[in-house]
Amino acid sequence: MPADYSRTKQPIYAVTADYSKNTGAVEYIAHLILTNNRVVAIGKAIQGSGSGAINHPDQKFWRESAKTLTVVLGKATPAATVRDIVRVEIDCTLLPCEGTGGCTTSVSALMKAVGYDGLSVRVFSHRNESAPRPGYLPSRYYDFTVGARNEVLQAARVDTGGWSWAA
């Protein structure tokens, strides 16, 4: 299991602060994390609660909102190259769904299709994913690599750690 993780608040916090309070639609956004504390949104946030995984915001983001890696690197100030990439961070209300055609495996393929193949990804859920327990961080995260085999992606999804915003 990954260790508990504390994230810095800015600039992602400003975009995602209400994700844990959302009890209706699921919200989703991804950012490219670069060296020298640079953060660039990969696309506009998406929310929804569509029936079937193909309509979930996870998949809709990568099909409809995400910009290619080349475009996102060009938005960084100063401009960035692939060598500057630390990882992709995804923030969502809930962890991706599992199963055949589920977002756990489909998102990796969609990311690969828009140029993010081989990159490290850290997925953060904001809503309490389990019953509160003393010493337990209810918001979960996990790591995966874009393009990994489905069984590797599924194993990564199960191996979660807790996280919170840094003070």
C-alpha atoms as a PDB file:
ATOM      1  CA  MET A   1       0.000   0.000   0.000  1.00  0.00           C
ATOM      2  CA  PRO A   2       1.317   3.480  -0.832  1.00  0.00           C
ATOM      3  CA  ALA A   3       2.232   5.702   2.079  1.00  0.00           C
ATOM      4  CA  ASP A   4      -0.093   8.476   3.177  1.00  0.00           C
ATOM      5  CA  TYR A   5       0.539  11.564   1.085  1.00  0.00           C
ATOM      6  CA  SER A   6       0.221  15.293   1.790  1.00  0.00           C
ATOM      7  CA  ARG A   7      -0.298  17.585  -1.212  1.00  0.00           C
ATOM      8  CA  THR A   8       0.474  21.272  -1.468  1.00  0.00           C
ATOM      9  CA  LYS A   9      -2.655  23.379  -1.839  1.00  0.00           C
ATOM     10  CA  GLN A  10      -1.830  25.616  -4.762  1.00  0.00           C
ATOM     11  CA  PRO A  11      -2.725  25.853  -7.589  1.00  0.00           C
ATOM     12  CA  ILE A  12      -4.785  22.629  -7.851  1.00  0.00           C
ATOM     13  CA  TYR A  13      -6.631  23.203  -4.573  1.00  0.00           C
ATOM     14  CA  ALA A  14      -8.433  26.259  -5.962  1.00  0.00           C
ATOM     15  CA  VAL A  15      -9.959  24.143  -8.750  1.00  0.00           C
ATOM     16  CA  THR A  16     -10.814  21.052  -6.699  1.00  0.00           C
ATOM     17  CA  ALA A  17     -11.588  22.266  -3.157  1.00  0.00           C
ATOM     18  CA  ASP A  18     -15.305  21.430  -3.434  1.00  0.00           C
ATOM     19  CA  TYR A  19     -14.871  17.938  -4.922  1.00  0.00           C
ATOM     20  CA  SER A  20     -15.187  16.267  -1.501  1.00  0.00           C
ATOM     21  CA  LYS A  21     -18.507  18.016  -0.828  1.00  0.00           C
ATOM     22  CA  ASN A  22     -20.091  16.959  -4.107  1.00  0.00           C
ATOM     23  CA  THR A  23     -22.723  14.295  -3.538  1.00  0.00           C
ATOM     24  CA  GLY A  24     -24.331  14.518  -6.983  1.00  0.00           C
ATOM     25  CA  ALA A  25     -22.349  14.624 -10.186  1.00  0.00           C
ATOM     26  CA  VAL A  26     -18.798  13.297 -10.229  1.00  0.00           C
ATOM     27  CA  GLU A  27     -16.123  15.920 -11.008  1.00  0.00           C
ATOM     28  CA  TYR A  28     -12.840  15.265 -12.820  1.00  0.00           C
ATOM     29  CA  ILE A  29      -9.760  17.215 -13.966  1.00  0.00           C
ATOM     30  CA  ALA A  30      -6.126  16.398 -14.783  1.00  0.00           C
ATOM     31  CA  HIS A  31      -2.965  18.505 -14.522  1.00  0.00           C
ATOM     32  CA  LEU A  32       0.534  18.023 -15.859  1.00  0.00           C
ATOM     33  CA  ILE A  33       3.046  18.412 -13.027  1.00  0.00           C
ATOM     34  CA  LEU A  34       6.373  19.802 -14.224  1.00  0.00           C
ATOM     35  CA  THR A  35       9.736  20.581 -12.674  1.00  0.00           C
ATOM     36  CA  ASN A  36      10.192  23.921 -10.872  1.00  0.00           C
ATOM     37  CA  ASN A  37       6.695  23.692  -9.336  1.00  0.00           C
ATOM     38  CA  ARG A  38       4.910  24.315 -12.636  1.00  0.00           C
ATOM     39  CA  VAL A  39       1.380  22.961 -13.055  1.00  0.00           C
ATOM     40  CA  VAL A  40      -0.643  23.082 -16.283  1.00  0.00           C
ATOM     41  CA  ALA A  41      -4.277  21.980 -16.676  1.00  0.00           C
ATOM     42  CA  ILE A  42      -4.623  19.323 -19.373  1.00  0.00           C
ATOM     43  CA  GLY A  43      -8.203  20.326 -20.140  1.00  0.00           C
ATOM     44  CA  LYS A  44     -11.294  21.912 -18.627  1.00  0.00           C
ATOM     45  CA  ALA A  45     -12.913  20.157 -15.671  1.00  0.00           C
ATOM     46  CA  ILE A  46     -15.774  17.818 -16.504  1.00  0.00           C
ATOM     47  CA  GLN A  47     -18.594  16.648 -14.303  1.00  0.00           C
ATOM     48  CA  GLY A  48     -21.370  14.164 -14.815  1.00  0.00           C
ATOM     49  CA  SER A  49     -23.024  11.021 -13.601  1.00  0.00           C
ATOM     50  CA  GLY A  50     -23.741   9.311 -16.894  1.00  0.00           C
ATOM     51  CA  SER A  51     -24.981   5.774 -17.058  1.00  0.00           C
ATOM     52  CA  GLY A  52     -22.267   3.352 -18.137  1.00  0.00           C
ATOM     53  CA  ALA A  53     -18.521   3.837 -17.856  1.00  0.00           C
ATOM     54  CA  ILE A  54     -18.234   5.333 -21.340  1.00  0.00           C
ATOM     55  CA  ASN A  55     -20.324   8.280 -20.082  1.00  0.00           C
ATOM     56  CA  HIS A  56     -18.373   8.794 -16.848  1.00  0.00           C
ATOM     57  CA  PRO A  57     -16.420  12.063 -16.560  1.00  0.00           C
ATOM     58  CA  ASP A  58     -13.146  10.085 -16.434  1.00  0.00           C
ATOM     59  CA  GLN A  59     -13.559   8.889 -20.010  1.00  0.00           C
ATOM     60  CA  LYS A  60     -15.346  12.004 -21.249  1.00  0.00           C
ATOM     61  CA  PHE A  61     -12.446  14.200 -20.043  1.00  0.00           C
ATOM     62  CA  TRP A  62      -9.878  12.302 -22.119  1.00  0.00           C
ATOM     63  CA  ARG A  63     -12.151  12.096 -25.180  1.00  0.00           C
ATOM     64  CA  GLU A  64     -13.601  15.631 -25.130  1.00  0.00           C
ATOM     65  CA  SER A  65     -11.565  18.010 -22.961  1.00  0.00           C
ATOM     66  CA  ALA A  66      -7.944  16.845 -22.805  1.00  0.00           C
ATOM     67  CA  LYS A  67      -5.371  18.603 -24.943  1.00  0.00           C
ATOM     68  CA  THR A  68      -2.492  16.677 -26.482  1.00  0.00           C
ATOM     69  CA  LEU A  69       0.756  16.486 -24.548  1.00  0.00           C
ATOM     70  CA  THR A  70       2.469  18.740 -27.095  1.00  0.00           C
ATOM     71  CA  VAL A  71      -0.156  21.480 -26.631  1.00  0.00           C
ATOM     72  CA  VAL A  72      -0.016  21.259 -22.817  1.00  0.00           C
ATOM     73  CA  LEU A  73       3.790  21.415 -22.732  1.00  0.00           C
ATOM     74  CA  GLY A  74       3.592  24.556 -24.888  1.00  0.00           C
ATOM     75  CA  LYS A  75       1.319  26.258 -22.321  1.00  0.00           C
ATOM     76  CA  ALA A  76       3.907  25.994 -19.549  1.00  0.00           C
ATOM     77  CA  THR A  77       5.858  29.116 -18.599  1.00  0.00           C
ATOM     78  CA  PRO A  78       8.618  28.856 -19.514  1.00  0.00           C
ATOM     79  CA  ALA A  79       7.846  26.315 -22.241  1.00  0.00           C
ATOM     80  CA  ALA A  80       8.514  22.741 -21.178  1.00  0.00           C
ATOM     81  CA  THR A  81       9.811  19.573 -22.773  1.00  0.00           C
ATOM     82  CA  VAL A  82       9.127  15.917 -22.008  1.00  0.00           C
ATOM     83  CA  ARG A  83      12.194  15.925 -19.723  1.00  0.00           C
ATOM     84  CA  ASP A  84      10.397  18.432 -17.453  1.00  0.00           C
ATOM     85  CA  ILE A  85       7.449  16.112 -16.738  1.00  0.00           C
ATOM     86  CA  VAL A  86       7.158  14.840 -13.166  1.00  0.00           C
ATOM     87  CA  ARG A  87       3.754  13.144 -13.581  1.00  0.00           C
ATOM     88  CA  VAL A  88       0.094  13.662 -14.396  1.00  0.00           C
ATOM     89  CA  GLU A  89      -2.213  14.251 -11.417  1.00  0.00           C
ATOM     90  CA  ILE A  90      -5.892  13.443 -11.742  1.00  0.00           C
ATOM     91  CA  ASP A  91      -8.416  14.789  -9.248  1.00  0.00           C
ATOM     92  CA  CYS A  92     -11.877  13.230  -9.140  1.00  0.00           C
ATOM     93  CA  THR A  93     -14.779  12.989  -6.770  1.00  0.00           C
ATOM     94  CA  LEU A  94     -14.497   9.178  -6.645  1.00  0.00           C
ATOM     95  CA  LEU A  95     -11.876   6.655  -7.711  1.00  0.00           C
ATOM     96  CA  PRO A  96     -12.373   5.295 -11.259  1.00  0.00           C
ATOM     97  CA  CYS A  97     -14.872   2.476 -11.708  1.00  0.00           C
ATOM     98  CA  GLU A  98     -13.628  -1.054 -12.231  1.00  0.00           C
ATOM     99  CA  GLY A  99     -14.689  -3.974 -14.418  1.00  0.00           C
ATOM    100  CA  THR A 100     -14.846  -4.622 -18.162  1.00  0.00           C
ATOM    101  CA  GLY A 101     -14.732  -1.292 -19.992  1.00  0.00           C
ATOM    102  CA  GLY A 102     -14.354   0.479 -16.653  1.00  0.00           C
ATOM    103  CA  CYS A 103     -12.475   3.721 -16.244  1.00  0.00           C
ATOM    104  CA  THR A 104      -9.602   2.019 -14.378  1.00  0.00           C
ATOM    105  CA  THR A 105      -8.385   0.467 -17.631  1.00  0.00           C
ATOM    106  CA  SER A 106     -10.041   2.666 -20.284  1.00  0.00           C
ATOM    107  CA  VAL A 107      -8.515   5.949 -19.093  1.00  0.00           C
ATOM    108  CA  SER A 108      -4.974   4.660 -19.658  1.00  0.00           C
ATOM    109  CA  ALA A 109      -5.807   3.809 -23.289  1.00  0.00           C
ATOM    110  CA  LEU A 110      -7.494   7.198 -23.812  1.00  0.00           C
ATOM    111  CA  MET A 111      -4.468   8.995 -22.328  1.00  0.00           C
ATOM    112  CA  LYS A 112      -2.155   7.024 -24.600  1.00  0.00           C
ATOM    113  CA  ALA A 113      -4.253   8.051 -27.620  1.00  0.00           C
ATOM    114  CA  VAL A 114      -3.629  11.758 -26.908  1.00  0.00           C
ATOM    115  CA  GLY A 115       0.121  11.407 -26.369  1.00  0.00           C
ATOM    116  CA  TYR A 116       0.632  10.627 -22.663  1.00  0.00           C
ATOM    117  CA  ASP A 117       2.029   7.098 -23.180  1.00  0.00           C
ATOM    118  CA  GLY A 118       4.555   5.966 -20.577  1.00  0.00           C
ATOM    119  CA  LEU A 119       3.907   8.816 -18.142  1.00  0.00           C
ATOM    120  CA  SER A 120       3.432   8.301 -14.408  1.00  0.00           C
ATOM    121  CA  VAL A 121      -0.037   9.170 -13.133  1.00  0.00           C
ATOM    122  CA  ARG A 122      -1.341   9.746  -9.611  1.00  0.00           C
ATOM    123  CA  VAL A 123      -5.146   9.633  -9.158  1.00  0.00           C
ATOM    124  CA  PHE A 124      -6.710  11.387  -6.145  1.00  0.00           C
ATOM    125  CA  SER A 125     -10.296  10.802  -5.009  1.00  0.00           C
ATOM    126  CA  HIS A 126     -11.806  13.559  -2.880  1.00  0.00           C
ATOM    127  CA  ARG A 127     -14.926  11.988  -1.385  1.00  0.00           C
ATOM    128  CA  ASN A 128     -14.670   9.661   1.595  1.00  0.00           C
ATOM    129  CA  GLU A 129     -14.290   6.216  -0.025  1.00  0.00           C
ATOM    130  CA  SER A 130     -14.739   4.193   3.171  1.00  0.00           C
ATOM    131  CA  ALA A 131     -15.995   4.366   6.731  1.00  0.00           C
ATOM    132  CA  PRO A 132     -14.015   6.783   8.918  1.00  0.00           C
ATOM    133  CA  ARG A 133     -11.462   5.082  11.154  1.00  0.00           C
ATOM    134  CA  PRO A 134      -9.001   6.621  13.626  1.00  0.00           C
ATOM    135  CA  GLY A 135      -5.660   7.342  11.957  1.00  0.00           C
ATOM    136  CA  TYR A 136      -7.064   6.635   8.477  1.00  0.00           C
ATOM    137  CA  LEU A 137      -7.172   9.191   5.648  1.00  0.00           C
ATOM    138  CA  PRO A 138     -10.471   8.532   3.844  1.00  0.00           C
ATOM    139  CA  SER A 139      -9.586  10.254   0.566  1.00  0.00           C
ATOM    140  CA  ARG A 140      -7.637   7.723  -1.498  1.00  0.00           C
ATOM    141  CA  TYR A 141      -4.949   7.834  -4.189  1.00  0.00           C
ATOM    142  CA  TYR A 142      -3.098   5.365  -6.376  1.00  0.00           C
ATOM    143  CA  ASP A 143      -0.382   5.430  -9.042  1.00  0.00           C
ATOM    144  CA  PHE A 144      -0.182   3.893 -12.505  1.00  0.00           C
ATOM    145  CA  THR A 145       1.755   4.214 -15.745  1.00  0.00           C
ATOM    146  CA  VAL A 146      -0.040   5.091 -18.989  1.00  0.00           C
ATOM    147  CA  GLY A 147       0.033   2.109 -21.327  1.00  0.00           C
ATOM    148  CA  ALA A 148       0.424  -0.553 -18.629  1.00  0.00           C
ATOM    149  CA  ARG A 149      -1.352  -3.877 -19.134  1.00  0.00           C
ATOM    150  CA  ASN A 150      -4.926  -4.107 -17.820  1.00  0.00           C
ATOM    151  CA  GLU A 151      -4.042  -6.505 -15.005  1.00  0.00           C
ATOM    152  CA  VAL A 152      -1.311  -4.107 -13.831  1.00  0.00           C
ATOM    153  CA  LEU A 153      -3.773  -1.181 -13.924  1.00  0.00           C
ATOM    154  CA  GLN A 154      -6.353  -3.170 -11.947  1.00  0.00           C
ATOM    155  CA  ALA A 155      -3.786  -4.173  -9.317  1.00  0.00           C
ATOM    156  CA  ALA A 156      -2.664  -0.538  -8.983  1.00  0.00           C
ATOM    157  CA  ARG A 157      -6.286   0.610  -8.485  1.00  0.00           C
ATOM    158  CA  VAL A 158      -6.667  -1.726  -5.488  1.00  0.00           C
ATOM    159  CA  ASP A 159      -3.377  -0.617  -3.891  1.00  0.00           C
ATOM    160  CA  THR A 160      -4.404   2.766  -2.472  1.00  0.00           C
ATOM    161  CA  GLY A 161      -2.971   5.140   0.104  1.00  0.00           C
ATOM    162  CA  GLY A 162      -4.586   8.045   1.937  1.00  0.00           C
ATOM    163  CA  TRP A 163      -3.973  11.728   1.322  1.00  0.00           C
ATOM    164  CA  SER A 164      -4.861  15.189   2.582  1.00  0.00           C
ATOM    165  CA  TRP A 165      -4.113  18.795   1.708  1.00  0.00           C
ATOM    166  CA  ALA A 166      -1.092  20.306   3.415  1.00  0.00           C
ATOM    167  CA  ALA A 167      -1.866  23.079   5.876  1.00  0.00           C
END
